[in-house]
PDB file of N, CA and C in Angstrom:
ATOM      1  N   MET A   1      -2.689  30.076 -10.942  1.00  0.00           N
ATOM      2  CA  MET A   1      -1.311  29.848 -11.302  1.00  0.00           C
ATOM      3  C   MET A   1      -1.226  29.735 -12.817  1.00  0.00           C
ATOM      4  N   PRO A   2      -0.237  30.347 -13.433  1.00  0.00           N
ATOM      5  CA  PRO A   2      -0.154  30.312 -14.894  1.00  0.00           C
ATOM      6  C   PRO A   2       0.207  28.928 -15.421  1.00  0.00           C
ATOM      7  N   PRO A   3      -0.463  28.513 -16.483  1.00  0.00           N
ATOM      8  CA  PRO A   3      -0.138  27.201 -17.061  1.00  0.00           C
ATOM      9  C   PRO A   3       1.218  27.223 -17.769  1.00  0.00           C
ATOM     10  N   LEU A   4       1.849  26.076 -17.803  1.00  0.00           N
ATOM     11  CA  LEU A   4       3.107  25.896 -18.524  1.00  0.00           C
ATOM     12  C   LEU A   4       2.812  26.001 -20.012  1.00  0.00           C
ATOM     13  N   ARG A   5       3.498  26.902 -20.690  1.00  0.00           N
ATOM     14  CA  ARG A   5       3.241  27.127 -22.121  1.00  0.00           C
ATOM     15  C   ARG A   5       4.391  26.681 -23.024  1.00  0.00           C
ATOM     16  N   ASP A   6       5.443  26.173 -22.440  1.00  0.00           N
ATOM     17  CA  ASP A   6       6.611  25.754 -23.213  1.00  0.00           C
ATOM     18  C   ASP A   6       6.423  24.285 -23.634  1.00  0.00           C
ATOM     19  N   PRO A   7       6.111  24.029 -24.913  1.00  0.00           N
ATOM     20  CA  PRO A   7       5.839  22.648 -25.332  1.00  0.00           C
ATOM     21  C   PRO A   7       7.053  21.727 -25.202  1.00  0.00           C
ATOM     22  N   LYS A   8       8.259  22.258 -25.368  1.00  0.00           N
ATOM     23  CA  LYS A   8       9.452  21.417 -25.229  1.00  0.00           C
ATOM     24  C   LYS A   8       9.646  20.983 -23.780  1.00  0.00           C
ATOM     25  N   LEU A   9       9.465  21.897 -22.852  1.00  0.00           N
ATOM     26  CA  LEU A   9       9.604  21.555 -21.437  1.00  0.00           C
ATOM     27  C   LEU A   9       8.508  20.585 -21.020  1.00  0.00           C
ATOM     28  N   ARG A  10       7.305  20.818 -21.498  1.00  0.00           N
ATOM     29  CA  ARG A  10       6.196  19.908 -21.192  1.00  0.00           C
ATOM     30  C   ARG A  10       6.518  18.490 -21.689  1.00  0.00           C
ATOM     31  N   ALA A  11       7.040  18.401 -22.899  1.00  0.00           N
ATOM     32  CA  ALA A  11       7.393  17.090 -23.462  1.00  0.00           C
ATOM     33  C   ALA A  11       8.499  16.428 -22.646  1.00  0.00           C
ATOM     34  N   ARG A  12       9.440  17.217 -22.154  1.00  0.00           N
ATOM     35  CA  ARG A  12      10.534  16.663 -21.344  1.00  0.00           C
ATOM     36  C   ARG A  12      10.015  16.156 -20.000  1.00  0.00           C
ATOM     37  N   ILE A  13       9.075  16.889 -19.413  1.00  0.00           N
ATOM     38  CA  ILE A  13       8.469  16.441 -18.156  1.00  0.00           C
ATOM     39  C   ILE A  13       7.695  15.146 -18.396  1.00  0.00           C
ATOM     40  N   GLU A  14       6.933  15.103 -19.475  1.00  0.00           N
ATOM     41  CA  GLU A  14       6.198  13.875 -19.801  1.00  0.00           C
ATOM     42  C   GLU A  14       7.164  12.705 -19.978  1.00  0.00           C
ATOM     43  N   LYS A  15       8.272  12.953 -20.656  1.00  0.00           N
ATOM     44  CA  LYS A  15       9.265  11.896 -20.884  1.00  0.00           C
ATOM     45  C   LYS A  15       9.821  11.370 -19.557  1.00  0.00           C
ATOM     46  N   ALA A  16      10.051  12.267 -18.602  1.00  0.00           N
ATOM     47  CA  ALA A  16      10.560  11.841 -17.297  1.00  0.00           C
ATOM     48  C   ALA A  16       9.557  10.931 -16.596  1.00  0.00           C
ATOM     49  N   PHE A  17       8.278  11.317 -16.596  1.00  0.00           N
ATOM     50  CA  PHE A  17       7.279  10.474 -15.943  1.00  0.00           C
ATOM     51  C   PHE A  17       7.118   9.144 -16.691  1.00  0.00           C
ATOM     52  N   HIS A  18       7.222   9.182 -17.998  1.00  0.00           N
ATOM     53  CA  HIS A  18       7.167   7.932 -18.769  1.00  0.00           C
ATOM     54  C   HIS A  18       8.348   7.029 -18.398  1.00  0.00           C
ATOM     55  N   GLN A  19       9.523   7.612 -18.316  1.00  0.00           N
ATOM     56  CA  GLN A  19      10.739   6.853 -18.004  1.00  0.00           C
ATOM     57  C   GLN A  19      10.694   6.269 -16.589  1.00  0.00           C
ATOM     58  N   SER A  20       9.884   6.858 -15.722  1.00  0.00           N
ATOM     59  CA  SER A  20       9.823   6.387 -14.334  1.00  0.00           C
ATOM     60  C   SER A  20       9.262   4.972 -14.234  1.00  0.00           C
ATOM     61  N   ARG A  21       8.703   4.455 -15.330  1.00  0.00           N
ATOM     62  CA  ARG A  21       8.247   3.056 -15.343  1.00  0.00           C
ATOM     63  C   ARG A  21       9.417   2.092 -15.159  1.00  0.00           C
ATOM     64  N   TRP A  22      10.582   2.496 -15.667  1.00  0.00           N
ATOM     65  CA  TRP A  22      11.742   1.607 -15.676  1.00  0.00           C
ATOM     66  C   TRP A  22      12.847   2.045 -14.727  1.00  0.00           C
ATOM     67  N   SER A  23      12.849   3.287 -14.349  1.00  0.00           N
ATOM     68  CA  SER A  23      13.937   3.808 -13.520  1.00  0.00           C
ATOM     69  C   SER A  23      13.360   4.539 -12.309  1.00  0.00           C
ATOM     70  N   SER A  24      13.772   4.117 -11.128  1.00  0.00           N
ATOM     71  CA  SER A  24      13.227   4.720  -9.918  1.00  0.00           C
ATOM     72  C   SER A  24      13.923   6.017  -9.523  1.00  0.00           C
ATOM     73  N   ASN A  25      14.994   6.396 -10.218  1.00  0.00           N
ATOM     74  CA  ASN A  25      15.683   7.629  -9.839  1.00  0.00           C
ATOM     75  C   ASN A  25      15.356   8.809 -10.750  1.00  0.00           C
ATOM     76  N   VAL A  26      14.428   8.654 -11.682  1.00  0.00           N
ATOM     77  CA  VAL A  26      14.043   9.758 -12.562  1.00  0.00           C
ATOM     78  C   VAL A  26      13.024  10.654 -11.871  1.00  0.00           C
ATOM     79  N   VAL A  27      12.051  10.042 -11.231  1.00  0.00           N
ATOM     80  CA  VAL A  27      11.059  10.774 -10.442  1.00  0.00           C
ATOM     81  C   VAL A  27      11.226  10.295  -9.002  1.00  0.00           C
ATOM     82  N   THR A  28      11.634  11.215  -8.130  1.00  0.00           N
ATOM     83  CA  THR A  28      11.800  10.875  -6.719  1.00  0.00           C
ATOM     84  C   THR A  28      10.735  11.601  -5.906  1.00  0.00           C
ATOM     85  N   TRP A  29      10.473  11.063  -4.744  1.00  0.00           N
ATOM     86  CA  TRP A  29       9.429  11.598  -3.874  1.00  0.00           C
ATOM     87  C   TRP A  29      10.035  12.009  -2.536  1.00  0.00           C
ATOM     88  N   LYS A  30       9.784  13.258  -2.153  1.00  0.00           N
ATOM     89  CA  LYS A  30      10.199  13.724  -0.834  1.00  0.00           C
ATOM     90  C   LYS A  30       9.429  12.928   0.215  1.00  0.00           C
ATOM     91  N   GLU A  31      10.144  12.461   1.226  1.00  0.00           N
ATOM     92  CA  GLU A  31       9.504  11.596   2.231  1.00  0.00           C
ATOM     93  C   GLU A  31       8.409  12.346   2.989  1.00  0.00           C
ATOM     94  N   VAL A  32       8.763  13.470   3.600  1.00  0.00           N
ATOM     95  CA  VAL A  32       7.779  14.246   4.353  1.00  0.00           C
ATOM     96  C   VAL A  32       7.057  15.170   3.379  1.00  0.00           C
ATOM     97  N   GLY A  33       5.751  15.102   3.348  1.00  0.00           N
ATOM     98  CA  GLY A  33       4.969  15.972   2.483  1.00  0.00           C
ATOM     99  C   GLY A  33       4.531  15.329   1.187  1.00  0.00           C
ATOM    100  N   ALA A  34       5.126  14.211   0.841  1.00  0.00           N
ATOM    101  CA  ALA A  34       4.731  13.542  -0.405  1.00  0.00           C
ATOM    102  C   ALA A  34       4.526  12.046  -0.142  1.00  0.00           C
ATOM    103  N   ARG A  35       5.620  11.317   0.037  1.00  0.00           N
ATOM    104  CA  ARG A  35       5.495   9.860   0.258  1.00  0.00           C
ATOM    105  C   ARG A  35       4.638   9.537   1.464  1.00  0.00           C
ATOM    106  N   ASP A  36       4.888  10.213   2.588  1.00  0.00           N
ATOM    107  CA  ASP A  36       4.118   9.939   3.803  1.00  0.00           C
ATOM    108  C   ASP A  36       2.633  10.206   3.589  1.00  0.00           C
ATOM    109  N   TRP A  37       2.313  11.292   2.901  1.00  0.00           N
ATOM    110  CA  TRP A  37       0.903  11.619   2.674  1.00  0.00           C
ATOM    111  C   TRP A  37       0.227  10.528   1.851  1.00  0.00           C
ATOM    112  N   VAL A  38       0.894  10.071   0.815  1.00  0.00           N
ATOM    113  CA  VAL A  38       0.326   9.014  -0.033  1.00  0.00           C
ATOM    114  C   VAL A  38       0.071   7.760   0.793  1.00  0.00           C
ATOM    115  N   GLU A  39       1.048   7.355   1.601  1.00  0.00           N
ATOM    116  CA  GLU A  39       0.888   6.155   2.425  1.00  0.00           C
ATOM    117  C   GLU A  39      -0.279   6.275   3.400  1.00  0.00           C
ATOM    118  N   GLN A  40      -0.495   7.478   3.929  1.00  0.00           N
ATOM    119  CA  GLN A  40      -1.540   7.687   4.924  1.00  0.00           C
ATOM    120  C   GLN A  40      -2.927   7.908   4.311  1.00  0.00           C
ATOM    121  N   ASN A  41      -2.986   8.404   3.082  1.00  0.00           N
ATOM    122  CA  ASN A  41      -4.269   8.811   2.516  1.00  0.00           C
ATOM    123  C   ASN A  41      -4.703   8.035   1.273  1.00  0.00           C
ATOM    124  N   LEU A  42      -3.786   7.371   0.610  1.00  0.00           N
ATOM    125  CA  LEU A  42      -4.122   6.638  -0.612  1.00  0.00           C
ATOM    126  C   LEU A  42      -3.706   5.176  -0.444  1.00  0.00           C
ATOM    127  N   GLU A  43      -4.380   4.512   0.451  1.00  0.00           N
ATOM    128  CA  GLU A  43      -4.022   3.150   0.816  1.00  0.00           C
ATOM    129  C   GLU A  43      -3.893   2.252  -0.417  1.00  0.00           C
ATOM    130  N   GLY A  44      -2.778   1.563  -0.480  1.00  0.00           N
ATOM    131  CA  GLY A  44      -2.545   0.622  -1.567  1.00  0.00           C
ATOM    132  C   GLY A  44      -1.992   1.245  -2.842  1.00  0.00           C
ATOM    133  N   LYS A  45      -1.890   2.551  -2.898  1.00  0.00           N
ATOM    134  CA  LYS A  45      -1.356   3.221  -4.093  1.00  0.00           C
ATOM    135  C   LYS A  45       0.150   3.413  -3.927  1.00  0.00           C
ATOM    136  N   THR A  46       0.897   3.091  -4.955  1.00  0.00           N
ATOM    137  CA  THR A  46       2.345   3.231  -4.913  1.00  0.00           C
ATOM    138  C   THR A  46       2.791   4.499  -5.630  1.00  0.00           C
ATOM    139  N   GLN A  47       4.018   4.879  -5.378  1.00  0.00           N
ATOM    140  CA  GLN A  47       4.580   6.029  -6.087  1.00  0.00           C
ATOM    141  C   GLN A  47       4.626   5.758  -7.585  1.00  0.00           C
ATOM    142  N   ARG A  48       5.003   4.553  -7.938  1.00  0.00           N
ATOM    143  CA  ARG A  48       5.077   4.190  -9.354  1.00  0.00           C
ATOM    144  C   ARG A  48       3.695   4.304 -10.020  1.00  0.00           C
ATOM    145  N   TYR A  49       2.657   3.845  -9.322  1.00  0.00           N
ATOM    146  CA  TYR A  49       1.293   3.952  -9.836  1.00  0.00           C
ATOM    147  C   TYR A  49       0.908   5.427 -10.043  1.00  0.00           C
ATOM    148  N   LEU A  50       1.215   6.256  -9.057  1.00  0.00           N
ATOM    149  CA  LEU A  50       0.885   7.679  -9.183  1.00  0.00           C
ATOM    150  C   LEU A  50       1.708   8.347 -10.277  1.00  0.00           C
ATOM    151  N   ASN A  51       2.976   7.940 -10.432  1.00  0.00           N
ATOM    152  CA  ASN A  51       3.776   8.468 -11.544  1.00  0.00           C
ATOM    153  C   ASN A  51       3.094   8.180 -12.875  1.00  0.00           C
ATOM    154  N   GLN A  52       2.528   6.984 -13.015  1.00  0.00           N
ATOM    155  CA  GLN A  52       1.868   6.629 -14.270  1.00  0.00           C
ATOM    156  C   GLN A  52       0.559   7.411 -14.456  1.00  0.00           C
ATOM    157  N   LEU A  53      -0.165   7.660 -13.360  1.00  0.00           N
ATOM    158  CA  LEU A  53      -1.352   8.519 -13.461  1.00  0.00           C
ATOM    159  C   LEU A  53      -0.964   9.923 -13.924  1.00  0.00           C
ATOM    160  N   ILE A  54       0.131  10.428 -13.372  1.00  0.00           N
ATOM    161  CA  ILE A  54       0.608  11.763 -13.772  1.00  0.00           C
ATOM    162  C   ILE A  54       1.041  11.740 -15.235  1.00  0.00           C
ATOM    163  N   HIS A  55       1.751  10.700 -15.641  1.00  0.00           N
ATOM    164  CA  HIS A  55       2.162  10.590 -17.043  1.00  0.00           C
ATOM    165  C   HIS A  55       0.945  10.599 -17.965  1.00  0.00           C
ATOM    166  N   GLN A  56      -0.052   9.807 -17.635  1.00  0.00           N
ATOM    167  CA  GLN A  56      -1.275   9.750 -18.443  1.00  0.00           C
ATOM    168  C   GLN A  56      -1.954  11.119 -18.488  1.00  0.00           C
ATOM    169  N   PHE A  57      -2.023  11.790 -17.345  1.00  0.00           N
ATOM    170  CA  PHE A  57      -2.630  13.114 -17.251  1.00  0.00           C
ATOM    171  C   PHE A  57      -1.919  14.091 -18.191  1.00  0.00           C
ATOM    172  N   ILE A  58      -0.594  14.093 -18.157  1.00  0.00           N
ATOM    173  CA  ILE A  58       0.179  15.003 -19.012  1.00  0.00           C
ATOM    174  C   ILE A  58       0.015  14.614 -20.476  1.00  0.00           C
ATOM    175  N   ARG A  59       0.117  13.329 -20.776  1.00  0.00           N
ATOM    176  CA  ARG A  59      -0.027  12.854 -22.162  1.00  0.00           C
ATOM    177  C   ARG A  59      -1.387  13.222 -22.742  1.00  0.00           C
ATOM    178  N   ASP A  60      -2.414  13.192 -21.886  1.00  0.00           N
ATOM    179  CA  ASP A  60      -3.769  13.524 -22.339  1.00  0.00           C
ATOM    180  C   ASP A  60      -4.044  15.018 -22.394  1.00  0.00           C
ATOM    181  N   GLY A  61      -3.027  15.844 -22.139  1.00  0.00           N
ATOM    182  CA  GLY A  61      -3.184  17.297 -22.265  1.00  0.00           C
ATOM    183  C   GLY A  61      -3.591  18.007 -20.994  1.00  0.00           C
ATOM    184  N   GLY A  62      -3.510  17.321 -19.846  1.00  0.00           N
ATOM    185  CA  GLY A  62      -3.856  17.958 -18.573  1.00  0.00           C
ATOM    186  C   GLY A  62      -2.969  19.153 -18.287  1.00  0.00           C
ATOM    187  N   GLN A  63      -3.505  20.099 -17.545  1.00  0.00           N
ATOM    188  CA  GLN A  63      -2.800  21.354 -17.285  1.00  0.00           C
ATOM    189  C   GLN A  63      -1.715  21.197 -16.227  1.00  0.00           C
ATOM    190  N   ILE A  64      -0.502  21.611 -16.595  1.00  0.00           N
ATOM    191  CA  ILE A  64       0.618  21.748 -15.668  1.00  0.00           C
ATOM    192  C   ILE A  64       0.779  23.240 -15.428  1.00  0.00           C
ATOM    193  N   ASN A  65       0.879  23.624 -14.183  1.00  0.00           N
ATOM    194  CA  ASN A  65       1.090  25.030 -13.850  1.00  0.00           C
ATOM    195  C   ASN A  65       2.554  25.240 -13.471  1.00  0.00           C
ATOM    196  N   ARG A  66       3.041  26.431 -13.785  1.00  0.00           N
ATOM    197  CA  ARG A  66       4.425  26.794 -13.462  1.00  0.00           C
ATOM    198  C   ARG A  66       4.383  28.122 -12.720  1.00  0.00           C
ATOM    199  N   LYS A  67       5.063  28.190 -11.591  1.00  0.00           N
ATOM    200  CA  LYS A  67       5.033  29.403 -10.780  1.00  0.00           C
ATOM    201  C   LYS A  67       6.421  29.706 -10.239  1.00  0.00           C
ATOM    202  N   PRO A  68       6.802  30.985 -10.216  1.00  0.00           N
ATOM    203  CA  PRO A  68       8.094  31.337  -9.615  1.00  0.00           C
ATOM    204  C   PRO A  68       8.130  30.912  -8.145  1.00  0.00           C
ATOM    205  N   GLU A  69       9.266  30.402  -7.744  1.00  0.00           N
ATOM    206  CA  GLU A  69       9.450  29.963  -6.359  1.00  0.00           C
ATOM    207  C   GLU A  69       9.795  31.158  -5.494  1.00  0.00           C
ATOM    208  N   ARG A  70       8.972  31.439  -4.508  1.00  0.00           N
ATOM    209  CA  ARG A  70       9.208  32.564  -3.606  1.00  0.00           C
ATOM    210  C   ARG A  70       9.617  32.089  -2.209  1.00  0.00           C
ATOM    211  N   ARG A  71       9.527  30.796  -1.998  1.00  0.00           N
ATOM    212  CA  ARG A  71       9.968  30.236  -0.714  1.00  0.00           C
ATOM    213  C   ARG A  71      11.481  30.071  -0.751  1.00  0.00           C
ATOM    214  N   GLN A  72      12.075  29.710   0.336  1.00  0.00           N
ATOM    215  CA  GLN A  72      13.534  29.611   0.413  1.00  0.00           C
ATOM    216  C   GLN A  72      14.009  28.229  -0.013  1.00  0.00           C
ATOM    217  N   PHE A  73      13.889  27.976  -1.322  1.00  0.00           N
ATOM    218  CA  PHE A  73      14.363  26.728  -1.905  1.00  0.00           C
ATOM    219  C   PHE A  73      15.350  27.066  -3.011  1.00  0.00           C
ATOM    220  N   ASP A  74      16.045  26.068  -3.507  1.00  0.00           N
ATOM    221  CA  ASP A  74      17.080  26.294  -4.518  1.00  0.00           C
ATOM    222  C   ASP A  74      16.528  26.534  -5.913  1.00  0.00           C
ATOM    223  N   GLU A  75      15.324  26.078  -6.191  1.00  0.00           N
ATOM    224  CA  GLU A  75      14.773  26.170  -7.537  1.00  0.00           C
ATOM    225  C   GLU A  75      14.213  27.567  -7.803  1.00  0.00           C
ATOM    226  N   ASP A  76      14.207  27.943  -9.083  1.00  0.00           N
ATOM    227  CA  ASP A  76      13.662  29.240  -9.476  1.00  0.00           C
ATOM    228  C   ASP A  76      12.149  29.199  -9.607  1.00  0.00           C
ATOM    229  N   TYR A  77      11.610  28.023  -9.890  1.00  0.00           N
ATOM    230  CA  TYR A  77      10.170  27.882 -10.023  1.00  0.00           C
ATOM    231  C   TYR A  77       9.768  26.448  -9.713  1.00  0.00           C
ATOM    232  N   PHE A  78       8.472  26.251  -9.521  1.00  0.00           N
ATOM    233  CA  PHE A  78       7.949  24.917  -9.268  1.00  0.00           C
ATOM    234  C   PHE A  78       6.752  24.683 -10.173  1.00  0.00           C
ATOM    235  N   PHE A  79       6.320  23.446 -10.246  1.00  0.00           N
ATOM    236  CA  PHE A  79       5.198  23.048 -11.084  1.00  0.00           C
ATOM    237  C   PHE A  79       4.148  22.373 -10.210  1.00  0.00           C
ATOM    238  N   ASP A  80       2.901  22.455 -10.646  1.00  0.00           N
ATOM    239  CA  ASP A  80       1.883  21.673  -9.966  1.00  0.00           C
ATOM    240  C   ASP A  80       0.807  21.255 -10.949  1.00  0.00           C
ATOM    241  N   LEU A  81       0.028  20.287 -10.511  1.00  0.00           N
ATOM    242  CA  LEU A  81      -1.086  19.779 -11.308  1.00  0.00           C
ATOM    243  C   LEU A  81      -2.043  19.070 -10.365  1.00  0.00           C
ATOM    244  N   VAL A  82      -3.225  18.788 -10.853  1.00  0.00           N
ATOM    245  CA  VAL A  82      -4.219  18.062 -10.060  1.00  0.00           C
ATOM    246  C   VAL A  82      -4.665  16.858 -10.872  1.00  0.00           C
ATOM    247  N   ILE A  83      -4.432  15.675 -10.295  1.00  0.00           N
ATOM    248  CA  ILE A  83      -4.855  14.437 -10.940  1.00  0.00           C
ATOM    249  C   ILE A  83      -6.037  13.858 -10.177  1.00  0.00           C
ATOM    250  N   SER A  84      -6.716  12.929 -10.801  1.00  0.00           N
ATOM    251  CA  SER A  84      -7.809  12.229 -10.148  1.00  0.00           C
ATOM    252  C   SER A  84      -7.326  10.843  -9.730  1.00  0.00           C
ATOM    253  N   VAL A  85      -7.521  10.543  -8.452  1.00  0.00           N
ATOM    254  CA  VAL A  85      -7.173   9.228  -7.927  1.00  0.00           C
ATOM    255  C   VAL A  85      -8.453   8.636  -7.347  1.00  0.00           C
ATOM    256  N   ASP A  86      -8.958   7.616  -8.004  1.00  0.00           N
ATOM    257  CA  ASP A  86     -10.222   6.994  -7.591  1.00  0.00           C
ATOM    258  C   ASP A  86     -11.343   8.021  -7.460  1.00  0.00           C
ATOM    259  N   GLY A  87     -11.367   8.982  -8.374  1.00  0.00           N
ATOM    260  CA  GLY A  87     -12.424   9.988  -8.392  1.00  0.00           C
ATOM    261  C   GLY A  87     -12.209  11.163  -7.462  1.00  0.00           C
ATOM    262  N   HIS A  88     -11.078  11.204  -6.768  1.00  0.00           N
ATOM    263  CA  HIS A  88     -10.787  12.293  -5.837  1.00  0.00           C
ATOM    264  C   HIS A  88      -9.648  13.145  -6.382  1.00  0.00           C
ATOM    265  N   PRO A  89      -9.791  14.483  -6.358  1.00  0.00           N
ATOM    266  CA  PRO A  89      -8.719  15.345  -6.855  1.00  0.00           C
ATOM    267  C   PRO A  89      -7.541  15.401  -5.893  1.00  0.00           C
ATOM    268  N   VAL A  90      -6.353  15.168  -6.435  1.00  0.00           N
ATOM    269  CA  VAL A  90      -5.126  15.160  -5.644  1.00  0.00           C
ATOM    270  C   VAL A  90      -4.152  16.166  -6.254  1.00  0.00           C
ATOM    271  N   TYR A  91      -3.693  17.089  -5.408  1.00  0.00           N
ATOM    272  CA  TYR A  91      -2.732  18.118  -5.799  1.00  0.00           C
ATOM    273  C   TYR A  91      -1.321  17.540  -5.719  1.00  0.00           C
ATOM    274  N   VAL A  92      -0.521  17.779  -6.761  1.00  0.00           N
ATOM    275  CA  VAL A  92       0.868  17.312  -6.803  1.00  0.00           C
ATOM    276  C   VAL A  92       1.760  18.496  -7.163  1.00  0.00           C
ATOM    277  N   GLU A  93       2.738  18.757  -6.317  1.00  0.00           N
ATOM    278  CA  GLU A  93       3.711  19.820  -6.584  1.00  0.00           C
ATOM    279  C   GLU A  93       5.066  19.177  -6.807  1.00  0.00           C
ATOM    280  N   PHE A  94       5.788  19.651  -7.830  1.00  0.00           N
ATOM    281  CA  PHE A  94       7.107  19.085  -8.114  1.00  0.00           C
ATOM    282  C   PHE A  94       8.065  20.140  -8.620  1.00  0.00           C
ATOM    283  N   VAL A  95       9.344  19.804  -8.539  1.00  0.00           N
ATOM    284  CA  VAL A  95      10.403  20.648  -9.075  1.00  0.00           C
ATOM    285  C   VAL A  95      11.226  19.810 -10.044  1.00  0.00           C
ATOM    286  N   ILE A  96      11.986  20.497 -10.868  1.00  0.00           N
ATOM    287  CA  ILE A  96      12.841  19.847 -11.860  1.00  0.00           C
ATOM    288  C   ILE A  96      14.291  20.141 -11.524  1.00  0.00           C
ATOM    289  N   THR A  97      15.108  19.089 -11.597  1.00  0.00           N
ATOM    290  CA  THR A  97      16.543  19.254 -11.379  1.00  0.00           C
ATOM    291  C   THR A  97      17.294  18.551 -12.502  1.00  0.00           C
ATOM    292  N   ASP A  98      18.535  18.908 -12.646  1.00  0.00           N
ATOM    293  CA  ASP A  98      19.418  18.248 -13.623  1.00  0.00           C
ATOM    294  C   ASP A  98      18.823  18.200 -15.027  1.00  0.00           C
ATOM    295  N   ASP A  99      18.341  19.318 -15.481  1.00  0.00           N
ATOM    296  CA  ASP A  99      17.726  19.359 -16.810  1.00  0.00           C
ATOM    297  C   ASP A  99      18.691  19.977 -17.807  1.00  0.00           C
ATOM    298  N   ASP A 100      18.914  19.286 -18.911  1.00  0.00           N
ATOM    299  CA  ASP A 100      19.729  19.812 -20.007  1.00  0.00           C
ATOM    300  C   ASP A 100      18.845  19.874 -21.248  1.00  0.00           C
ATOM    301  N   PRO A 101      18.151  20.993 -21.441  1.00  0.00           N
ATOM    302  CA  PRO A 101      17.213  21.079 -22.560  1.00  0.00           C
ATOM    303  C   PRO A 101      17.865  20.970 -23.933  1.00  0.00           C
ATOM    304  N   ASP A 102      19.182  21.114 -24.002  1.00  0.00           N
ATOM    305  CA  ASP A 102      19.866  21.017 -25.292  1.00  0.00           C
ATOM    306  C   ASP A 102      20.206  19.576 -25.678  1.00  0.00           C
ATOM    307  N   ASP A 103      19.998  18.645 -24.765  1.00  0.00           N
ATOM    308  CA  ASP A 103      20.274  17.237 -25.041  1.00  0.00           C
ATOM    309  C   ASP A 103      18.953  16.520 -25.317  1.00  0.00           C
ATOM    310  N   PRO A 104      18.677  16.187 -26.584  1.00  0.00           N
ATOM    311  CA  PRO A 104      17.385  15.585 -26.928  1.00  0.00           C
ATOM    312  C   PRO A 104      17.179  14.193 -26.343  1.00  0.00           C
ATOM    313  N   ASP A 105      18.261  13.518 -25.940  1.00  0.00           N
ATOM    314  CA  ASP A 105      18.132  12.178 -25.368  1.00  0.00           C
ATOM    315  C   ASP A 105      18.026  12.206 -23.846  1.00  0.00           C
ATOM    316  N   ASP A 106      18.178  13.369 -23.265  1.00  0.00           N
ATOM    317  CA  ASP A 106      18.122  13.518 -21.814  1.00  0.00           C
ATOM    318  C   ASP A 106      16.712  13.908 -21.395  1.00  0.00           C
ATOM    319  N   TYR A 107      16.425  13.744 -20.144  1.00  0.00           N
ATOM    320  CA  TYR A 107      15.163  14.191 -19.576  1.00  0.00           C
ATOM    321  C   TYR A 107      15.466  14.686 -18.173  1.00  0.00           C
ATOM    322  N   PRO A 108      14.622  15.572 -17.652  1.00  0.00           N
ATOM    323  CA  PRO A 108      14.913  16.128 -16.334  1.00  0.00           C
ATOM    324  C   PRO A 108      14.645  15.116 -15.227  1.00  0.00           C
ATOM    325  N   ASN A 109      15.278  15.333 -14.097  1.00  0.00           N
ATOM    326  CA  ASN A 109      14.907  14.609 -12.890  1.00  0.00           C
ATOM    327  C   ASN A 109      13.787  15.406 -12.232  1.00  0.00           C
ATOM    328  N   VAL A 110      12.758  14.711 -11.817  1.00  0.00           N
ATOM    329  CA  VAL A 110      11.604  15.341 -11.196  1.00  0.00           C
ATOM    330  C   VAL A 110      11.581  14.939  -9.731  1.00  0.00           C
ATOM    331  N   ARG A 111      11.337  15.915  -8.874  1.00  0.00           N
ATOM    332  CA  ARG A 111      11.213  15.637  -7.439  1.00  0.00           C
ATOM    333  C   ARG A 111       9.827  16.065  -6.989  1.00  0.00           C
ATOM    334  N   ILE A 112       9.021  15.087  -6.576  1.00  0.00           N
ATOM    335  CA  ILE A 112       7.692  15.375  -6.039  1.00  0.00           C
ATOM    336  C   ILE A 112       7.913  15.874  -4.609  1.00  0.00           C
ATOM    337  N   VAL A 113       7.471  17.101  -4.332  1.00  0.00           N
ATOM    338  CA  VAL A 113       7.747  17.697  -3.018  1.00  0.00           C
ATOM    339  C   VAL A 113       6.510  17.801  -2.136  1.00  0.00           C
ATOM    340  N   SER A 114       5.322  17.768  -2.735  1.00  0.00           N
ATOM    341  CA  SER A 114       4.114  17.880  -1.931  1.00  0.00           C
ATOM    342  C   SER A 114       2.955  17.196  -2.642  1.00  0.00           C
ATOM    343  N   VAL A 115       2.150  16.478  -1.852  1.00  0.00           N
ATOM    344  CA  VAL A 115       0.937  15.829  -2.364  1.00  0.00           C
ATOM    345  C   VAL A 115      -0.120  15.990  -1.284  1.00  0.00           C
ATOM    346  N   HIS A 116      -1.329  16.377  -1.687  1.00  0.00           N
ATOM    347  CA  HIS A 116      -2.440  16.456  -0.731  1.00  0.00           C
ATOM    348  C   HIS A 116      -3.745  16.557  -1.494  1.00  0.00           C
ATOM    349  N   TRP A 117      -4.852  16.434  -0.770  1.00  0.00           N
ATOM    350  CA  TRP A 117      -6.156  16.581  -1.419  1.00  0.00           C
ATOM    351  C   TRP A 117      -6.227  17.968  -2.035  1.00  0.00           C
ATOM    352  N   ALA A 118      -6.746  18.071  -3.237  1.00  0.00           N
ATOM    353  CA  ALA A 118      -6.881  19.354  -3.916  1.00  0.00           C
ATOM    354  C   ALA A 118      -8.116  20.075  -3.392  1.00  0.00           C
ATOM    355  N   ASP A 119      -8.029  21.375  -3.284  1.00  0.00           N
ATOM    356  CA  ASP A 119      -9.199  22.180  -2.930  1.00  0.00           C
ATOM    357  C   ASP A 119     -10.149  22.145  -4.118  1.00  0.00           C
ATOM    358  N   THR A 120     -11.401  21.936  -3.847  1.00  0.00           N
ATOM    359  CA  THR A 120     -12.376  21.900  -4.953  1.00  0.00           C
ATOM    360  C   THR A 120     -13.277  23.088  -4.914  1.00  0.00           C
TER     361      THR A 120
END
């Protein structure tokens, strides 16, 4: 999957995950395919905790991939990345909504749509 090469969009995504420390509606988690998987497979880990792991991953220069959406969803493309949770690779797929790139004080809303063990 091609990596995200737009530094402004990357910074906006990082800002959204950073903001999720204080606001629970900036990064939301789809119940089926994301929240349920975390509850069943990452005992004791919260969405907020994983948001901060993702924020740290992005801040540290971790690779975000961007791919055109070919499934029957409303978005034109989706993003994914692989973070480490207790030494295990975890795949995270997300989409961006309500993004106004011309507003420097705004940040996109991120919706986590899928989480599962990453193929190694």
